[in-house]
All heavy atoms as atom14 arrays in JSON, in Angstrom:
{
  "sequence": "ADFGIAKAAQKTISGSGTGTIGYMAPEQAMGKPSTRSDVFSIG",
  "atom14_mask": [
    [1, 1, 1, 1, 1, 0, 0, 0, 0, 0, 0, 0, 0, 0],
    [1, 1, 1, 1, 1, 1, 1, 1, 0, 0, 0, 0, 0, 0],
    [1, 1, 1, 1, 1, 1, 1, 1, 1, 1, 1, 0, 0, 0],
    [1, 1, 1, 1, 0, 0, 0, 0, 0, 0, 0, 0, 0, 0],
    [1, 1, 1, 1, 1, 1, 1, 1, 0, 0, 0, 0, 0, 0],
    [1, 1, 1, 1, 1, 0, 0, 0, 0, 0, 0, 0, 0, 0],
    [1, 1, 1, 1, 1, 1, 1, 1, 1, 0, 0, 0, 0, 0],
    [1, 1, 1, 1, 1, 0, 0, 0, 0, 0, 0, 0, 0, 0],
    [1, 1, 1, 1, 1, 0, 0, 0, 0, 0, 0, 0, 0, 0],
    [1, 1, 1, 1, 1, 1, 1, 1, 1, 0, 0, 0, 0, 0],
    [1, 1, 1, 1, 1, 1, 1, 1, 1, 0, 0, 0, 0, 0],
    [1, 1, 1, 1, 1, 1, 1, 0, 0, 0, 0, 0, 0, 0],
    [1, 1, 1, 1, 1, 1, 1, 1, 0, 0, 0, 0, 0, 0],
    [1, 1, 1, 1, 1, 1, 0, 0, 0, 0, 0, 0, 0, 0],
    [1, 1, 1, 1, 0, 0, 0, 0, 0, 0, 0, 0, 0, 0],
    [1, 1, 1, 1, 1, 1, 0, 0, 0, 0, 0, 0, 0, 0],
    [1, 1, 1, 1, 0, 0, 0, 0, 0, 0, 0, 0, 0, 0],
    [1, 1, 1, 1, 1, 1, 1, 0, 0, 0, 0, 0, 0, 0],
    [1, 1, 1, 1, 0, 0, 0, 0, 0, 0, 0, 0, 0, 0],
    [1, 1, 1, 1, 1, 1, 1, 0, 0, 0, 0, 0, 0, 0],
    [1, 1, 1, 1, 1, 1, 1, 1, 0, 0, 0, 0, 0, 0],
    [1, 1, 1, 1, 0, 0, 0, 0, 0, 0, 0, 0, 0, 0],
    [1, 1, 1, 1, 1, 1, 1, 1, 1, 1, 1, 1, 0, 0],
    [1, 1, 1, 1, 1, 1, 1, 1, 0, 0, 0, 0, 0, 0],
    [1, 1, 1, 1, 1, 0, 0, 0, 0, 0, 0, 0, 0, 0],
    [1, 1, 1, 1, 1, 1, 1, 0, 0, 0, 0, 0, 0, 0],
    [1, 1, 1, 1, 1, 1, 1, 1, 1, 0, 0, 0, 0, 0],
    [1, 1, 1, 1, 1, 1, 1, 1, 1, 0, 0, 0, 0, 0],
    [1, 1, 1, 1, 1, 0, 0, 0, 0, 0, 0, 0, 0, 0],
    [1, 1, 1, 1, 1, 1, 1, 1, 0, 0, 0, 0, 0, 0],
    [1, 1, 1, 1, 0, 0, 0, 0, 0, 0, 0, 0, 0, 0],
    [1, 1, 1, 1, 1, 1, 1, 1, 1, 0, 0, 0, 0, 0],
    [1, 1, 1, 1, 1, 1, 1, 0, 0, 0, 0, 0, 0, 0],
    [1, 1, 1, 1, 1, 1, 0, 0, 0, 0, 0, 0, 0, 0],
    [1, 1, 1, 1, 1, 1, 1, 0, 0, 0, 0, 0, 0, 0],
    [1, 1, 1, 1, 1, 1, 1, 1, 1, 1, 1, 0, 0, 0],
    [1, 1, 1, 1, 1, 1, 0, 0, 0, 0, 0, 0, 0, 0],
    [1, 1, 1, 1, 1, 1, 1, 1, 0, 0, 0, 0, 0, 0],
    [1, 1, 1, 1, 1, 1, 1, 0, 0, 0, 0, 0, 0, 0],
    [1, 1, 1, 1, 1, 1, 1, 1, 1, 1, 1, 0, 0, 0],
    [1, 1, 1, 1, 1, 1, 0, 0, 0, 0, 0, 0, 0, 0],
    [1, 1, 1, 1, 1, 1, 1, 1, 0, 0, 0, 0, 0, 0],
    [1, 1, 1, 1, 0, 0, 0, 0, 0, 0, 0, 0, 0, 0]
  ],
  "atom14_positions": [
    [[0.83, -1.21, 0.0], [0.0, 0.0, 0.0], [0.87, 1.26, 0.0], [2.09, 1.19, 0.07], [-0.9, 0.0, 1.24], [0.0, 0.0, 0.0], [0.0, 0.0, 0.0], [0.0, 0.0, 0.0], [0.0, 0.0, 0.0], [0.0, 0.0, 0.0], [0.0, 0.0, 0.0], [0.0, 0.0, 0.0], [0.0, 0.0, 0.0], [0.0, 0.0, 0.0]],
    [[0.19, 2.38, -0.06], [0.8, 3.7, 0.11], [1.84, 4.04, -0.95], [3.03, 4.13, -0.69], [1.39, 3.87, 1.51], [1.59, 5.34, 1.85], [1.26, 6.2, 1.0], [2.08, 5.63, 2.94], [0.0, 0.0, 0.0], [0.0, 0.0, 0.0], [0.0, 0.0, 0.0], [0.0, 0.0, 0.0], [0.0, 0.0, 0.0], [0.0, 0.0, 0.0]],
    [[1.34, 4.26, -2.15], [2.21, 4.77, -3.22], [2.2, 6.3, -3.21], [2.46, 6.94, -4.2], [1.74, 4.24, -4.58], [2.22, 2.85, -4.87], [1.57, 1.76, -4.31], [3.32, 2.62, -5.67], [2.0, 0.46, -4.56], [3.77, 1.34, -5.93], [3.1, 0.26, -5.37], [0.0, 0.0, 0.0], [0.0, 0.0, 0.0], [0.0, 0.0, 0.0]],
    [[1.88, 6.87, -2.05], [1.76, 8.32, -1.92], [3.01, 9.09, -2.27], [2.95, 10.22, -2.74], [0.0, 0.0, 0.0], [0.0, 0.0, 0.0], [0.0, 0.0, 0.0], [0.0, 0.0, 0.0], [0.0, 0.0, 0.0], [0.0, 0.0, 0.0], [0.0, 0.0, 0.0], [0.0, 0.0, 0.0], [0.0, 0.0, 0.0], [0.0, 0.0, 0.0]],
    [[4.18, 8.48, -2.03], [5.41, 9.19, -2.41], [6.16, 8.44, -3.5], [7.33, 8.66, -3.74], [6.34, 9.43, -1.19], [6.69, 8.12, -0.48], [5.7, 10.42, -0.23], [7.72, 8.31, 0.62], [0.0, 0.0, 0.0], [0.0, 0.0, 0.0], [0.0, 0.0, 0.0], [0.0, 0.0, 0.0], [0.0, 0.0, 0.0], [0.0, 0.0, 0.0]],
    [[5.45, 7.51, -4.15], [6.06, 6.82, -5.28], [6.3, 7.82, -6.41], [5.58, 8.79, -6.56], [5.14, 5.7, -5.76], [0.0, 0.0, 0.0], [0.0, 0.0, 0.0], [0.0, 0.0, 0.0], [0.0, 0.0, 0.0], [0.0, 0.0, 0.0], [0.0, 0.0, 0.0], [0.0, 0.0, 0.0], [0.0, 0.0, 0.0], [0.0, 0.0, 0.0]],
    [[7.3, 7.57, -7.18], [7.66, 8.47, -8.27], [7.76, 7.72, -9.59], [8.21, 6.58, -9.63], [9.02, 9.13, -7.99], [9.12, 9.83, -6.64], [8.28, 11.08, -6.59], [8.43, 11.78, -5.25], [7.64, 12.98, -5.14], [0.0, 0.0, 0.0], [0.0, 0.0, 0.0], [0.0, 0.0, 0.0], [0.0, 0.0, 0.0], [0.0, 0.0, 0.0]],
    [[7.34, 8.36, -10.66], [7.57, 7.77, -11.98], [9.07, 7.84, -12.27], [9.71, 8.86, -12.09], [6.79, 8.55, -13.05], [0.0, 0.0, 0.0], [0.0, 0.0, 0.0], [0.0, 0.0, 0.0], [0.0, 0.0, 0.0], [0.0, 0.0, 0.0], [0.0, 0.0, 0.0], [0.0, 0.0, 0.0], [0.0, 0.0, 0.0], [0.0, 0.0, 0.0]],
    [[9.63, 6.73, -12.69], [11.09, 6.63, -12.83], [11.65, 7.62, -13.84], [12.79, 8.04, -13.74], [11.47, 5.21, -13.23], [0.0, 0.0, 0.0], [0.0, 0.0, 0.0], [0.0, 0.0, 0.0], [0.0, 0.0, 0.0], [0.0, 0.0, 0.0], [0.0, 0.0, 0.0], [0.0, 0.0, 0.0], [0.0, 0.0, 0.0], [0.0, 0.0, 0.0]],
    [[10.83, 8.0, -14.83], [11.36, 8.9, -15.85], [11.49, 10.34, -15.34], [12.19, 11.14, -15.92], [10.45, 8.92, -17.09], [10.14, 7.55, -17.66], [8.81, 7.04, -17.15], [8.51, 7.18, -15.98], [8.03, 6.44, -18.03], [0.0, 0.0, 0.0], [0.0, 0.0, 0.0], [0.0, 0.0, 0.0], [0.0, 0.0, 0.0], [0.0, 0.0, 0.0]],
    [[10.8, 10.64, -14.25], [10.8, 12.02, -13.77], [12.0, 12.3, -12.87], [12.47, 11.43, -12.16], [9.5, 12.31, -13.01], [8.27, 12.26, -13.89], [7.02, 12.53, -13.08], [5.78, 12.44, -13.96], [4.55, 12.62, -13.17], [0.0, 0.0, 0.0], [0.0, 0.0, 0.0], [0.0, 0.0, 0.0], [0.0, 0.0, 0.0], [0.0, 0.0, 0.0]],
    [[12.46, 13.52, -12.89], [13.55, 13.92, -12.01], [13.03, 14.04, -10.59], [11.99, 14.62, -10.35], [14.12, 15.28, -12.44], [14.56, 15.17, -13.78], [15.28, 15.69, -11.55], [0.0, 0.0, 0.0], [0.0, 0.0, 0.0], [0.0, 0.0, 0.0], [0.0, 0.0, 0.0], [0.0, 0.0, 0.0], [0.0, 0.0, 0.0], [0.0, 0.0, 0.0]],
    [[13.77, 13.46, -9.64], [13.39, 13.55, -8.24], [14.35, 14.51, -7.56], [15.56, 14.31, -7.55], [13.44, 12.17, -7.57], [12.49, 11.23, -8.3], [13.07, 12.25, -6.11], [12.67, 9.79, -7.95], [0.0, 0.0, 0.0], [0.0, 0.0, 0.0], [0.0, 0.0, 0.0], [0.0, 0.0, 0.0], [0.0, 0.0, 0.0], [0.0, 0.0, 0.0]],
    [[13.81, 15.57, -7.03], [14.67, 16.58, -6.43], [14.42, 16.7, -4.94], [13.49, 16.13, -4.4], [14.41, 17.93, -7.1], [13.05, 18.29, -6.93], [0.0, 0.0, 0.0], [0.0, 0.0, 0.0], [0.0, 0.0, 0.0], [0.0, 0.0, 0.0], [0.0, 0.0, 0.0], [0.0, 0.0, 0.0], [0.0, 0.0, 0.0], [0.0, 0.0, 0.0]],
    [[15.25, 17.44, -4.28], [15.07, 17.67, -2.85], [15.67, 16.55, -2.03], [16.32, 15.65, -2.53], [0.0, 0.0, 0.0], [0.0, 0.0, 0.0], [0.0, 0.0, 0.0], [0.0, 0.0, 0.0], [0.0, 0.0, 0.0], [0.0, 0.0, 0.0], [0.0, 0.0, 0.0], [0.0, 0.0, 0.0], [0.0, 0.0, 0.0], [0.0, 0.0, 0.0]],
    [[15.44, 16.63, -0.72], [16.0, 15.63, 0.17], [15.23, 14.33, 0.03], [14.17, 14.28, -0.58], [15.9, 16.12, 1.62], [14.56, 16.36, 1.96], [0.0, 0.0, 0.0], [0.0, 0.0, 0.0], [0.0, 0.0, 0.0], [0.0, 0.0, 0.0], [0.0, 0.0, 0.0], [0.0, 0.0, 0.0], [0.0, 0.0, 0.0], [0.0, 0.0, 0.0]],
    [[15.75, 13.26, 0.61], [15.15, 11.95, 0.45], [13.76, 11.86, 1.04], [13.47, 12.42, 2.08], [0.0, 0.0, 0.0], [0.0, 0.0, 0.0], [0.0, 0.0, 0.0], [0.0, 0.0, 0.0], [0.0, 0.0, 0.0], [0.0, 0.0, 0.0], [0.0, 0.0, 0.0], [0.0, 0.0, 0.0], [0.0, 0.0, 0.0], [0.0, 0.0, 0.0]],
    [[12.89, 11.15, 0.33], [11.57, 10.84, 0.88], [11.57, 9.37, 1.23], [12.21, 8.57, 0.57], [10.47, 11.13, -0.15], [10.78, 10.45, -1.36], [10.34, 12.61, -0.41], [0.0, 0.0, 0.0], [0.0, 0.0, 0.0], [0.0, 0.0, 0.0], [0.0, 0.0, 0.0], [0.0, 0.0, 0.0], [0.0, 0.0, 0.0], [0.0, 0.0, 0.0]],
    [[10.82, 9.0, 2.24], [10.83, 7.62, 2.7], [10.89, 7.61, 4.21], [10.71, 8.64, 4.86], [0.0, 0.0, 0.0], [0.0, 0.0, 0.0], [0.0, 0.0, 0.0], [0.0, 0.0, 0.0], [0.0, 0.0, 0.0], [0.0, 0.0, 0.0], [0.0, 0.0, 0.0], [0.0, 0.0, 0.0], [0.0, 0.0, 0.0], [0.0, 0.0, 0.0]],
    [[11.12, 6.44, 4.78], [11.17, 6.3, 6.22], [12.57, 5.92, 6.65], [13.11, 4.91, 6.18], [10.16, 5.24, 6.7], [8.85, 5.62, 6.25], [10.16, 5.11, 8.21], [0.0, 0.0, 0.0], [0.0, 0.0, 0.0], [0.0, 0.0, 0.0], [0.0, 0.0, 0.0], [0.0, 0.0, 0.0], [0.0, 0.0, 0.0], [0.0, 0.0, 0.0]],
    [[13.17, 6.72, 7.51], [14.52, 6.43, 8.0], [14.52, 5.05, 8.64], [13.63, 4.68, 9.38], [14.95, 7.48, 9.06], [14.99, 8.87, 8.43], [16.31, 7.13, 9.66], [15.99, 9.06, 7.34], [0.0, 0.0, 0.0], [0.0, 0.0, 0.0], [0.0, 0.0, 0.0], [0.0, 0.0, 0.0], [0.0, 0.0, 0.0], [0.0, 0.0, 0.0]],
    [[15.56, 4.27, 8.34], [15.65, 2.93, 8.88], [15.24, 1.88, 7.86], [15.62, 0.72, 7.97], [0.0, 0.0, 0.0], [0.0, 0.0, 0.0], [0.0, 0.0, 0.0], [0.0, 0.0, 0.0], [0.0, 0.0, 0.0], [0.0, 0.0, 0.0], [0.0, 0.0, 0.0], [0.0, 0.0, 0.0], [0.0, 0.0, 0.0], [0.0, 0.0, 0.0]],
    [[14.49, 2.3, 6.84], [14.05, 1.35, 5.81], [14.52, 1.75, 4.42], [14.16, 1.12, 3.44], [12.51, 1.25, 5.8], [11.92, 0.75, 7.08], [11.29, 1.63, 7.97], [12.0, -0.59, 7.44], [10.74, 1.18, 9.16], [11.45, -1.05, 8.63], [10.83, -0.16, 9.48], [10.28, -0.61, 10.67], [0.0, 0.0, 0.0], [0.0, 0.0, 0.0]],
    [[15.27, 2.83, 4.33], [15.63, 3.31, 3.0], [17.11, 3.13, 2.7], [17.96, 3.06, 3.6], [15.22, 4.77, 2.81], [16.05, 5.76, 3.59], [15.7, 7.47, 3.07], [14.19, 7.81, 3.96], [0.0, 0.0, 0.0], [0.0, 0.0, 0.0], [0.0, 0.0, 0.0], [0.0, 0.0, 0.0], [0.0, 0.0, 0.0], [0.0, 0.0, 0.0]],
    [[17.41, 3.03, 1.42], [18.79, 2.89, 0.95], [19.56, 4.19, 1.17], [18.97, 5.27, 1.18], [18.78, 2.54, -0.53], [0.0, 0.0, 0.0], [0.0, 0.0, 0.0], [0.0, 0.0, 0.0], [0.0, 0.0, 0.0], [0.0, 0.0, 0.0], [0.0, 0.0, 0.0], [0.0, 0.0, 0.0], [0.0, 0.0, 0.0], [0.0, 0.0, 0.0]],
    [[20.89, 4.08, 1.34], [21.69, 5.29, 1.58], [21.5, 6.37, 0.53], [21.37, 7.55, 0.87], [23.13, 4.75, 1.59], [22.99, 3.34, 2.04], [21.7, 2.86, 1.43], [0.0, 0.0, 0.0], [0.0, 0.0, 0.0], [0.0, 0.0, 0.0], [0.0, 0.0, 0.0], [0.0, 0.0, 0.0], [0.0, 0.0, 0.0], [0.0, 0.0, 0.0]],
    [[21.45, 5.98, -0.76], [21.32, 7.01, -1.81], [19.94, 7.65, -1.8], [19.79, 8.79, -2.21], [21.64, 6.4, -3.19], [20.57, 5.52, -3.79], [20.54, 4.11, -3.23], [21.4, 3.77, -2.39], [19.66, 3.33, -3.65], [0.0, 0.0, 0.0], [0.0, 0.0, 0.0], [0.0, 0.0, 0.0], [0.0, 0.0, 0.0], [0.0, 0.0, 0.0]],
    [[18.93, 6.92, -1.33], [17.59, 7.5, -1.25], [17.55, 8.59, -0.2], [16.88, 9.61, -0.37], [16.56, 6.41, -0.92], [15.13, 6.9, -0.98], [14.12, 5.78, -0.74], [14.4, 4.62, -1.02], [12.96, 6.13, -0.23], [0.0, 0.0, 0.0], [0.0, 0.0, 0.0], [0.0, 0.0, 0.0], [0.0, 0.0, 0.0], [0.0, 0.0, 0.0]],
    [[18.29, 8.39, 0.89], [18.37, 9.41, 1.94], [19.02, 10.69, 1.41], [18.82, 11.77, 1.96], [19.14, 8.88, 3.14], [0.0, 0.0, 0.0], [0.0, 0.0, 0.0], [0.0, 0.0, 0.0], [0.0, 0.0, 0.0], [0.0, 0.0, 0.0], [0.0, 0.0, 0.0], [0.0, 0.0, 0.0], [0.0, 0.0, 0.0], [0.0, 0.0, 0.0]],
    [[19.79, 10.54, 0.32], [20.44, 11.7, -0.31], [19.58, 12.29, -1.42], [20.01, 13.19, -2.14], [21.79, 11.28, -0.89], [22.75, 10.67, 0.12], [23.29, 11.85, 1.37], [24.41, 12.85, 0.38], [0.0, 0.0, 0.0], [0.0, 0.0, 0.0], [0.0, 0.0, 0.0], [0.0, 0.0, 0.0], [0.0, 0.0, 0.0], [0.0, 0.0, 0.0]],
    [[18.35, 11.78, -1.56], [17.44, 12.32, -2.56], [17.62, 11.76, -3.95], [17.22, 12.38, -4.93], [0.0, 0.0, 0.0], [0.0, 0.0, 0.0], [0.0, 0.0, 0.0], [0.0, 0.0, 0.0], [0.0, 0.0, 0.0], [0.0, 0.0, 0.0], [0.0, 0.0, 0.0], [0.0, 0.0, 0.0], [0.0, 0.0, 0.0], [0.0, 0.0, 0.0]],
    [[18.23, 10.55, -4.05], [18.47, 9.95, -5.36], [17.91, 8.52, -5.43], [18.65, 7.57, -5.68], [19.97, 9.94, -5.67], [20.57, 11.33, -5.74], [22.07, 11.26, -5.97], [22.67, 12.66, -6.03], [24.15, 12.62, -6.19], [0.0, 0.0, 0.0], [0.0, 0.0, 0.0], [0.0, 0.0, 0.0], [0.0, 0.0, 0.0], [0.0, 0.0, 0.0]],
    [[16.62, 8.34, -5.2], [16.06, 6.99, -5.23], [15.96, 6.43, -6.65], [15.88, 7.18, -7.62], [14.67, 7.17, -4.63], [14.31, 8.58, -4.94], [15.6, 9.35, -4.89], [0.0, 0.0, 0.0], [0.0, 0.0, 0.0], [0.0, 0.0, 0.0], [0.0, 0.0, 0.0], [0.0, 0.0, 0.0], [0.0, 0.0, 0.0], [0.0, 0.0, 0.0]],
    [[15.97, 5.11, -6.74], [15.79, 4.41, -8.01], [15.14, 3.08, -7.7], [14.85, 2.77, -6.53], [17.15, 4.19, -8.69], [17.9, 3.21, -7.96], [0.0, 0.0, 0.0], [0.0, 0.0, 0.0], [0.0, 0.0, 0.0], [0.0, 0.0, 0.0], [0.0, 0.0, 0.0], [0.0, 0.0, 0.0], [0.0, 0.0, 0.0], [0.0, 0.0, 0.0]],
    [[14.92, 2.27, -8.72], [14.38, 0.93, -8.47], [15.32, 0.14, -7.57], [14.87, -0.71, -6.78], [14.18, 0.17, -9.8], [15.4, 0.2, -10.55], [13.06, 0.79, -10.62], [0.0, 0.0, 0.0], [0.0, 0.0, 0.0], [0.0, 0.0, 0.0], [0.0, 0.0, 0.0], [0.0, 0.0, 0.0], [0.0, 0.0, 0.0], [0.0, 0.0, 0.0]],
    [[16.61, 0.41, -7.64], [17.58, -0.28, -6.77], [17.38, 0.09, -5.3], [17.74, -0.68, -4.42], [19.01, 0.05, -7.22], [19.34, -0.46, -8.62], [20.69, 0.04, -9.1], [20.87, -0.18, -10.53], [21.51, -1.21, -11.07], [22.03, -2.13, -10.27], [21.64, -1.32, -12.37], [0.0, 0.0, 0.0], [0.0, 0.0, 0.0], [0.0, 0.0, 0.0]],
    [[16.8, 1.26, -5.04], [16.51, 1.66, -3.66], [15.39, 0.8, -3.08], [15.43, 0.4, -1.92], [16.13, 3.13, -3.6], [17.06, 3.94, -4.27], [0.0, 0.0, 0.0], [0.0, 0.0, 0.0], [0.0, 0.0, 0.0], [0.0, 0.0, 0.0], [0.0, 0.0, 0.0], [0.0, 0.0, 0.0], [0.0, 0.0, 0.0], [0.0, 0.0, 0.0]],
    [[14.37, 0.53, -3.89], [13.3, -0.38, -3.45], [13.86, -1.77, -3.18], [13.44, -2.44, -2.23], [12.21, -0.47, -4.52], [11.25, 0.72, -4.51], [11.32, 1.55, -3.57], [10.42, 0.81, -5.44], [0.0, 0.0, 0.0], [0.0, 0.0, 0.0], [0.0, 0.0, 0.0], [0.0, 0.0, 0.0], [0.0, 0.0, 0.0], [0.0, 0.0, 0.0]],
    [[14.8, -2.21, -4.01], [15.45, -3.51, -3.8], [16.11, -3.55, -2.44], [16.01, -4.54, -1.7], [16.48, -3.79, -4.93], [17.46, -4.9, -4.52], [15.77, -4.15, -6.22], [0.0, 0.0, 0.0], [0.0, 0.0, 0.0], [0.0, 0.0, 0.0], [0.0, 0.0, 0.0], [0.0, 0.0, 0.0], [0.0, 0.0, 0.0], [0.0, 0.0, 0.0]],
    [[16.78, -2.47, -2.06], [17.44, -2.39, -0.76], [16.42, -2.54, 0.37], [16.64, -3.29, 1.32], [18.19, -1.06, -0.64], [19.08, -0.95, 0.57], [20.42, -1.33, 0.51], [18.6, -0.47, 1.78], [21.25, -1.24, 1.61], [19.41, -0.37, 2.9], [20.75, -0.76, 2.81], [0.0, 0.0, 0.0], [0.0, 0.0, 0.0], [0.0, 0.0, 0.0]],
    [[15.31, -1.82, 0.26], [14.27, -1.89, 1.3], [13.7, -3.3, 1.43], [13.44, -3.77, 2.54], [13.15, -0.89, 0.99], [13.64, 0.44, 1.01], [0.0, 0.0, 0.0], [0.0, 0.0, 0.0], [0.0, 0.0, 0.0], [0.0, 0.0, 0.0], [0.0, 0.0, 0.0], [0.0, 0.0, 0.0], [0.0, 0.0, 0.0], [0.0, 0.0, 0.0]],
    [[13.51, -3.98, 0.29], [13.03, -5.36, 0.33], [14.09, -6.26, 0.98], [13.76, -7.17, 1.75], [12.7, -5.86, -1.09], [11.54, -5.05, -1.68], [12.33, -7.35, -1.07], [11.31, -5.28, -3.15], [0.0, 0.0, 0.0], [0.0, 0.0, 0.0], [0.0, 0.0, 0.0], [0.0, 0.0, 0.0], [0.0, 0.0, 0.0], [0.0, 0.0, 0.0]],
    [[15.36, -5.98, 0.69], [16.44, -6.74, 1.31], [16.44, -6.62, 2.82], [16.7, -7.59, 3.54], [0.0, 0.0, 0.0], [0.0, 0.0, 0.0], [0.0, 0.0, 0.0], [0.0, 0.0, 0.0], [0.0, 0.0, 0.0], [0.0, 0.0, 0.0], [0.0, 0.0, 0.0], [0.0, 0.0, 0.0], [0.0, 0.0, 0.0], [0.0, 0.0, 0.0]]
  ]
}
């Protein structure tokens, strides 16, 4: 659930990281999420 902060991959994502601290990949915390960031959270 909760695709509220999901982003279309083609779009530029700016600003600081969105997500929940403790469950996000290091690069996502820097505002650069990708599909690989979701992989990290699943891991």
